[in-house]
Protein backbone atom coordinates (compact mmCIF):
# COMPACT_ATOMS: atom_id res chain seq x y z
CA UNK A 1 6.63 -18.11 -13.03
CA UNK A 2 4.76 -15.41 -14.95
CA UNK A 3 4.47 -12.24 -12.89
CA UNK A 4 2.83 -8.95 -13.83
CA UNK A 5 3.61 -5.80 -11.87
CA UNK A 6 0.60 -3.49 -12.06
CA UNK A 7 1.92 -0.11 -10.96
CA UNK A 8 5.47 0.69 -12.02
CA UNK A 9 6.18 3.17 -9.26
CA UNK A 10 8.82 2.92 -6.56
CA UNK A 11 7.49 -0.12 -4.67
CA UNK A 12 6.26 -1.96 -7.74
CA UNK A 13 9.57 -1.41 -9.50
CA UNK A 14 11.53 -2.60 -6.47
CA UNK A 15 9.49 -5.81 -6.15
CA UNK A 16 9.51 -6.42 -9.89
CA UNK A 17 13.27 -6.02 -10.09
CA UNK A 18 13.78 -8.63 -7.38
CA UNK A 19 11.41 -11.11 -9.01
CA UNK A 20 13.12 -10.67 -12.38
CA UNK A 21 16.50 -11.37 -10.76
CA UNK A 22 14.98 -14.51 -9.24
CA UNK A 23 14.19 -15.83 -12.71
CA UNK A 24 10.52 -14.93 -13.06
CA UNK A 25 9.11 -13.85 -16.41
CA UNK A 26 8.15 -10.29 -15.44
CA UNK A 27 5.81 -7.97 -17.30
CA UNK A 28 4.92 -4.44 -16.23
CA UNK A 29 1.84 -2.34 -16.88
CA UNK A 30 3.01 1.25 -17.24
CA UNK A 31 2.20 4.43 -19.12
CA UNK A 32 3.82 7.57 -20.49
CA UNK A 33 7.43 8.33 -19.67
CA UNK A 34 7.73 5.27 -17.43
CA UNK A 35 6.68 2.97 -20.26
CA UNK A 36 9.14 4.67 -22.62
CA UNK A 37 11.95 4.24 -20.08
CA UNK A 38 11.15 0.56 -19.46
CA UNK A 39 11.17 -0.19 -23.17
CA UNK A 40 14.45 1.67 -23.65
CA UNK A 41 16.42 0.74 -20.51
CA UNK A 42 14.55 -2.10 -18.80
CA UNK A 43 13.57 -1.95 -15.13
CA UNK A 44 16.38 -0.18 -13.31
CA UNK A 45 17.11 -0.35 -9.58
CA UNK A 46 19.65 1.76 -7.71
CA UNK A 47 20.70 -0.11 -4.58
CA UNK A 48 23.85 -0.38 -2.50
CA UNK A 49 25.61 2.20 -4.63
CA UNK A 50 25.04 0.59 -8.02
CA UNK A 51 22.38 0.47 -10.73
CA UNK A 52 21.14 -2.82 -12.16
CA UNK A 53 18.75 -3.31 -15.06
CA UNK A 54 16.31 -6.15 -15.71
CA UNK A 55 14.71 -6.80 -19.09
CA UNK A 56 10.92 -6.90 -18.71
CA UNK A 57 7.95 -6.90 -21.04
CA UNK A 58 6.01 -3.65 -20.75
CA UNK A 59 2.80 -2.19 -22.10
CA UNK A 60 0.07 0.28 -21.23
CA UNK A 61 -2.50 -2.42 -21.97
CA UNK A 62 -2.80 -5.57 -19.80
CA UNK A 63 -4.60 -7.19 -22.76
CA UNK A 64 -1.19 -7.51 -24.43
CA UNK A 65 -0.15 -10.00 -21.73
CA UNK A 66 -1.57 -13.45 -21.13
CA UNK A 67 -2.93 -14.93 -17.91
CA UNK A 68 -0.39 -14.61 -15.10
CA UNK A 69 0.62 -16.80 -12.16
CA UNK A 70 0.98 -13.73 -9.96
CA UNK A 71 -0.23 -10.14 -10.29
CA UNK A 72 1.37 -7.64 -7.94
CA UNK A 73 -0.94 -4.66 -7.37
CA UNK A 74 1.36 -1.80 -6.37
CA UNK A 75 -0.78 1.19 -7.27
CA UNK A 76 -2.14 3.99 -5.12
CA UNK A 77 -5.72 3.38 -4.00
CA UNK A 78 -7.24 6.19 -6.16
CA UNK A 79 -6.03 4.32 -9.26
CA UNK A 80 -7.87 1.09 -8.44
CA UNK A 81 -11.18 1.84 -10.22
CA UNK A 82 -9.31 2.29 -13.49
CA UNK A 83 -7.12 -0.76 -12.82
CA UNK A 84 -10.00 -3.16 -12.25
CA UNK A 85 -11.58 -2.16 -15.55
CA UNK A 86 -8.49 -3.46 -17.37
CA UNK A 87 -7.09 -6.27 -15.21
CA UNK A 88 -9.28 -9.18 -16.39
CA UNK A 89 -6.91 -10.46 -19.14
CA UNK A 90 -4.26 -11.12 -16.47
CA UNK A 91 -6.49 -13.22 -14.23
CA UNK A 92 -7.06 -16.95 -14.58
CA UNK A 93 -8.51 -19.54 -12.19
CA UNK A 94 -5.13 -20.03 -10.47
CA UNK A 95 -3.78 -16.48 -10.56
CA UNK A 96 -2.68 -15.01 -7.23
CA UNK A 97 -3.14 -11.28 -6.64
CA UNK A 98 -0.73 -9.75 -4.12
CA UNK A 99 -1.82 -6.31 -2.93
CA UNK A 100 1.25 -4.27 -1.99
CA UNK A 101 -0.57 -1.07 -1.09
CA UNK A 102 -0.92 1.39 1.78
CA UNK A 103 -4.03 1.76 3.90
CA UNK A 104 -7.16 -0.34 4.33
CA UNK A 105 -7.82 -2.50 1.24
CA UNK A 106 -11.27 -3.31 -0.15
CA UNK A 107 -10.96 -6.91 1.04
CA UNK A 108 -10.07 -5.98 4.65
CA UNK A 109 -13.16 -7.58 6.25
CA UNK A 110 -13.36 -10.61 3.94
CA UNK A 111 -13.15 -13.75 6.04
CA UNK A 112 -12.33 -11.63 9.07
CA UNK A 113 -13.94 -9.12 11.37
CA UNK A 114 -16.32 -10.90 13.75
CA UNK A 115 -19.65 -9.13 13.50
CA UNK A 116 -18.25 -7.12 10.55
CA UNK A 117 -17.05 -10.18 8.61
CA UNK A 118 -17.42 -9.86 4.83
CA UNK A 119 -18.88 -6.35 5.08
CA UNK A 120 -17.97 -4.00 2.25
CA UNK A 121 -16.29 -0.74 3.22
CA UNK A 122 -18.05 2.06 1.34
CA UNK A 123 -15.10 4.42 1.77
CA UNK A 124 -12.77 2.26 -0.33
CA UNK A 125 -15.21 0.37 -2.58
CA UNK A 126 -18.33 2.56 -2.89
CA UNK A 127 -20.29 0.43 -5.36
CA UNK A 128 -18.56 -2.94 -4.93
CA UNK A 129 -16.71 -2.63 -8.24
CA UNK A 130 -13.36 -3.68 -6.76
CA UNK A 131 -14.79 -6.75 -5.03
CA UNK A 132 -16.56 -7.86 -8.20
CA UNK A 133 -13.43 -7.51 -10.32
CA UNK A 134 -11.04 -9.04 -7.78
CA UNK A 135 -12.88 -11.15 -5.18
CA UNK A 136 -11.15 -12.31 -2.03
CA UNK A 137 -10.32 -15.84 -3.26
CA UNK A 138 -7.13 -15.05 -5.26
CA UNK A 139 -5.86 -12.33 -2.90
CA UNK A 140 -2.82 -12.46 -0.66
CA UNK A 141 -2.22 -9.37 1.44
CA UNK A 142 1.22 -7.80 1.58
CA UNK A 143 2.47 -5.13 3.96
CA UNK A 144 5.59 -3.37 2.69
CA UNK A 145 8.20 -2.16 5.16
CA UNK A 146 10.70 -0.41 2.90
CA UNK A 147 11.50 3.06 1.64
CA UNK A 148 11.90 3.50 -2.10
CA UNK A 149 11.58 6.45 -4.44
CA UNK A 150 11.44 6.91 -8.19
CA UNK A 151 14.38 9.08 -9.13
CA UNK A 152 13.22 9.30 -12.74
CA UNK A 153 10.81 7.25 -14.87
CA UNK A 154 11.78 3.58 -14.73
CA UNK A 155 14.59 4.12 -12.18
CA UNK A 156 13.84 3.10 -8.59
CA UNK A 157 16.06 4.10 -5.66
CA UNK A 158 15.93 1.71 -2.69
CA UNK A 159 16.73 3.56 0.54
CA UNK A 160 16.14 1.19 3.45
CA UNK A 161 13.96 -1.69 4.63
CA UNK A 162 13.56 -5.04 2.93
CA UNK A 163 10.45 -6.66 4.42
CA UNK A 164 7.28 -7.90 2.75
CA UNK A 165 4.79 -9.36 5.26
CA UNK A 166 2.46 -11.83 3.55
CA UNK A 167 -0.86 -13.21 4.70
CA UNK A 168 -4.15 -14.76 3.69
CA UNK A 169 -7.19 -12.47 4.20
CA UNK A 170 -8.86 -15.28 6.16
CA UNK A 171 -5.69 -16.18 8.10
CA UNK A 172 -3.74 -19.40 8.14
CA UNK A 173 -0.40 -20.36 6.64
CA UNK A 174 -1.61 -22.07 3.48
CA UNK A 175 0.56 -23.83 0.93
CA UNK A 176 0.15 -21.01 -1.57
CA UNK A 177 1.23 -18.28 0.82
CA UNK A 178 4.24 -20.34 1.90
CA UNK A 179 5.19 -20.93 -1.74
CA UNK A 180 4.95 -17.24 -2.59
CA UNK A 181 6.98 -16.37 0.51
CA UNK A 182 9.69 -18.78 -0.66
CA UNK A 183 9.74 -17.17 -4.10
CA UNK A 184 10.03 -13.67 -2.63
CA UNK A 185 12.81 -14.82 -0.31
CA UNK A 186 14.64 -16.18 -3.34
CA UNK A 187 14.21 -12.70 -4.84
CA UNK A 188 16.06 -11.24 -1.86
CA UNK A 189 13.25 -10.04 0.39
CA UNK A 190 12.59 -10.82 4.04
CA UNK A 191 9.13 -12.42 4.03
CA UNK A 192 7.45 -13.26 7.34
CA UNK A 193 4.06 -14.95 6.95
CA UNK A 194 1.35 -13.44 9.16
CA UNK A 195 -1.42 -15.30 10.95
CA UNK A 196 -3.57 -12.16 10.69
CA UNK A 197 -2.50 -9.85 7.88
CA UNK A 198 -5.17 -7.32 8.88
CA UNK A 199 -3.26 -6.72 12.12
CA UNK A 200 -0.08 -5.94 10.17
CA UNK A 201 -2.04 -3.63 7.85
CA UNK A 202 -3.60 -1.84 10.82
CA UNK A 203 -0.31 -1.51 12.69
CA UNK A 204 1.40 0.12 9.72
CA UNK A 205 -1.66 2.31 9.14
CA UNK A 206 -1.56 3.36 12.80
CA UNK A 207 1.58 5.33 12.05
CA UNK A 208 1.09 6.62 8.53
CA UNK A 209 -2.62 7.59 8.70
CA UNK A 210 -1.58 10.72 10.62
CA UNK A 211 1.83 11.87 9.47
CA UNK A 212 0.97 11.41 5.77
CA UNK A 213 -2.07 13.73 5.65
CA UNK A 214 -0.49 16.21 8.06
CA UNK A 215 2.54 16.45 5.77
CA UNK A 216 0.16 17.01 2.85
CA UNK A 217 -1.58 19.80 4.76
CA UNK A 218 1.56 21.55 5.99
CA UNK A 219 4.30 20.68 3.51
CA UNK A 220 6.45 19.62 6.49
CA UNK A 221 8.86 16.70 6.67
CA UNK A 222 8.47 14.20 9.52
CA UNK A 223 11.14 15.79 11.72
CA UNK A 224 9.27 19.12 11.75
CA UNK A 225 5.92 17.42 12.38
CA UNK A 226 7.27 15.46 15.35
CA UNK A 227 9.07 18.51 16.76
CA UNK A 228 5.83 20.46 17.25
CA UNK A 229 4.29 19.37 20.54
CA UNK A 230 0.79 20.54 19.59
CA UNK A 231 0.85 18.62 16.31
CA UNK A 232 2.36 15.60 18.04
CA UNK A 233 -0.42 15.71 20.63
CA UNK A 234 -3.06 15.85 17.88
CA UNK A 235 -1.44 12.86 16.18
CA UNK A 236 -1.56 10.94 19.47
CA UNK A 237 -5.28 11.66 19.80
CA UNK A 238 -6.00 10.30 16.30
CA UNK A 239 -3.89 7.24 17.05
CA UNK A 240 -5.78 6.53 20.26
CA UNK A 241 -9.05 6.57 18.31
CA UNK A 242 -7.62 4.10 15.78
CA UNK A 243 -6.27 1.96 18.61
CA UNK A 244 -9.77 1.71 20.11
CA UNK A 245 -11.31 0.83 16.76
CA UNK A 246 -8.70 -1.87 16.28
CA UNK A 247 -9.50 -3.36 19.67
CA UNK A 248 -13.20 -3.48 18.78
CA UNK A 249 -12.56 -5.46 15.58
CA UNK A 250 -10.06 -7.84 17.17
CA UNK A 251 -6.77 -6.08 16.35
CA UNK A 252 -5.09 -5.03 19.57
CA UNK A 253 -2.14 -2.64 19.53
CA UNK A 254 0.04 -2.85 22.62
CA UNK A 255 2.17 0.21 21.84
CA UNK A 256 1.42 3.73 22.98
CA UNK A 257 1.43 6.57 20.42
CA UNK A 258 4.64 7.83 22.03
CA UNK A 259 6.35 4.54 21.19
CA UNK A 260 5.55 4.99 17.50
CA UNK A 261 6.65 8.63 17.63
CA UNK A 262 10.14 7.47 18.59
CA UNK A 263 10.27 5.30 15.48
CA UNK A 264 9.09 8.18 13.28
CA UNK A 265 11.72 10.50 14.76
CA UNK A 266 14.43 8.12 13.58
CA UNK A 267 13.43 8.83 9.97
CA UNK A 268 14.82 12.35 10.29
CA UNK A 269 13.80 14.90 7.64
CA UNK A 270 11.71 12.34 5.75
CA UNK A 271 9.28 13.40 3.03
CA UNK A 272 6.16 11.20 3.19
CA UNK A 273 4.66 9.60 0.09
CA UNK A 274 1.56 11.78 0.42
CA UNK A 275 3.63 14.95 0.48
CA UNK A 276 5.45 13.69 -2.61
CA UNK A 277 2.05 13.15 -4.26
CA UNK A 278 0.98 16.72 -3.41
CA UNK A 279 4.16 18.09 -4.96
CA UNK A 280 3.69 15.90 -8.05
CA UNK A 281 0.01 16.86 -8.44
CA UNK A 282 -1.19 13.27 -7.92
CA UNK A 283 -4.44 12.14 -6.29
CA UNK A 284 -4.17 11.57 -2.53
CA UNK A 285 -5.12 8.20 -1.03
CA UNK A 286 -7.09 9.73 1.84
CA UNK A 287 -9.92 7.22 1.64
CA UNK A 288 -7.73 4.16 2.26
CA UNK A 289 -5.67 5.86 4.96
CA UNK A 290 -8.21 7.95 6.88
CA UNK A 291 -11.81 7.65 5.61
CA UNK A 292 -11.76 3.86 6.09
CA UNK A 293 -10.72 4.33 9.72
CA UNK A 294 -13.58 6.76 10.23
CA UNK A 295 -16.02 4.29 8.63
CA UNK A 296 -14.81 1.46 10.86
CA UNK A 297 -15.32 3.79 13.82
CA UNK A 298 -18.91 4.34 12.74
CA UNK A 299 -19.45 0.60 12.27
CA UNK A 300 -18.07 -0.22 15.73
CA UNK A 301 -19.61 2.72 17.58
CA UNK A 302 -16.24 4.29 18.39
CA UNK A 303 -16.06 8.09 18.56
CA UNK A 304 -13.62 9.66 16.08
CA UNK A 305 -13.65 13.46 16.49
CA UNK A 306 -9.91 13.85 15.88
CA UNK A 307 -9.93 11.50 12.89
CA UNK A 308 -12.93 13.42 11.51
CA UNK A 309 -11.03 16.70 11.81
CA UNK A 310 -7.94 15.28 10.12
CA UNK A 311 -9.97 13.82 7.26
CA UNK A 312 -12.02 16.98 6.76
CA UNK A 313 -9.02 19.29 6.63
CA UNK A 314 -6.87 17.05 4.44
CA UNK A 315 -9.77 16.32 2.08
CA UNK A 316 -10.55 20.03 1.68
CA UNK A 317 -6.90 20.81 0.96
CA UNK A 318 -6.86 18.02 -1.67
CA UNK A 319 -10.13 19.15 -3.25
CA UNK A 320 -8.95 22.76 -3.55
CA UNK A 321 -5.87 21.57 -5.43
CA UNK A 322 -7.73 19.04 -7.57
CA UNK A 323 -6.12 16.04 -5.85
CA UNK A 324 -9.27 14.33 -4.50
């Protein structure tokens, strides 16, 4: 199977390494120091106390690769406009596109959403460019439950978690999603297939749409954020707004914010991906994590004063530092 990993960061590198071990012909789109490292050392993964290396094809230009069976999109949302301008050479009539990304994707309401079905979310796809380049038909959603970091270019450290939840945007356990799940299981991942991948996306978002931007604002690790009762109360208020929005679009969350807080506390002094992006001077994915929630609130008539405050403050911080 020909697989292209688009986004050679921590998660993309982790998935790509597993697929290469499973016998796939893996290519990677990368740039700069990461591309140099891949060409020199291969795709390296540090896991269970040892480093393995997989030989992969790599290039800064997708045009150097042919049509793929599977494209894994593992980029941050702010990179997508540039990605879709270059991705066409990888896509054929039978290519699957697996989106392994945080936040609300551009295809979130495709084939789903009741009264909002097939509506474009302006916050994540302002002019429809993403939907035109990658329509819903080839897409399989993927929710990643794992912690990985990039210790240096081309070297991924896997910390914990091994789950990739797969699902069709329109629901249903189709043959193609079952086949991809089997391939990923062969590659060593735990791969439950979801009846409603949007629910899994929303449930993960319910936790990281708050702690991520708050860490970016404050520079604090998750233990310090959770230890402050005023901040924790603010987080709960944002989460209750998102919970109401979810209920209005058919995604019910049974947990209370306090239940999720207990899970976050177990992470200890954890540095969120958004805080890492601030420190690295990278663009922040505020639109996919927070602005999309606010937009869905507007579309469903749900009030979002706490979400508005979080978005406004985090966006201003990012703008001042040239990260938005």
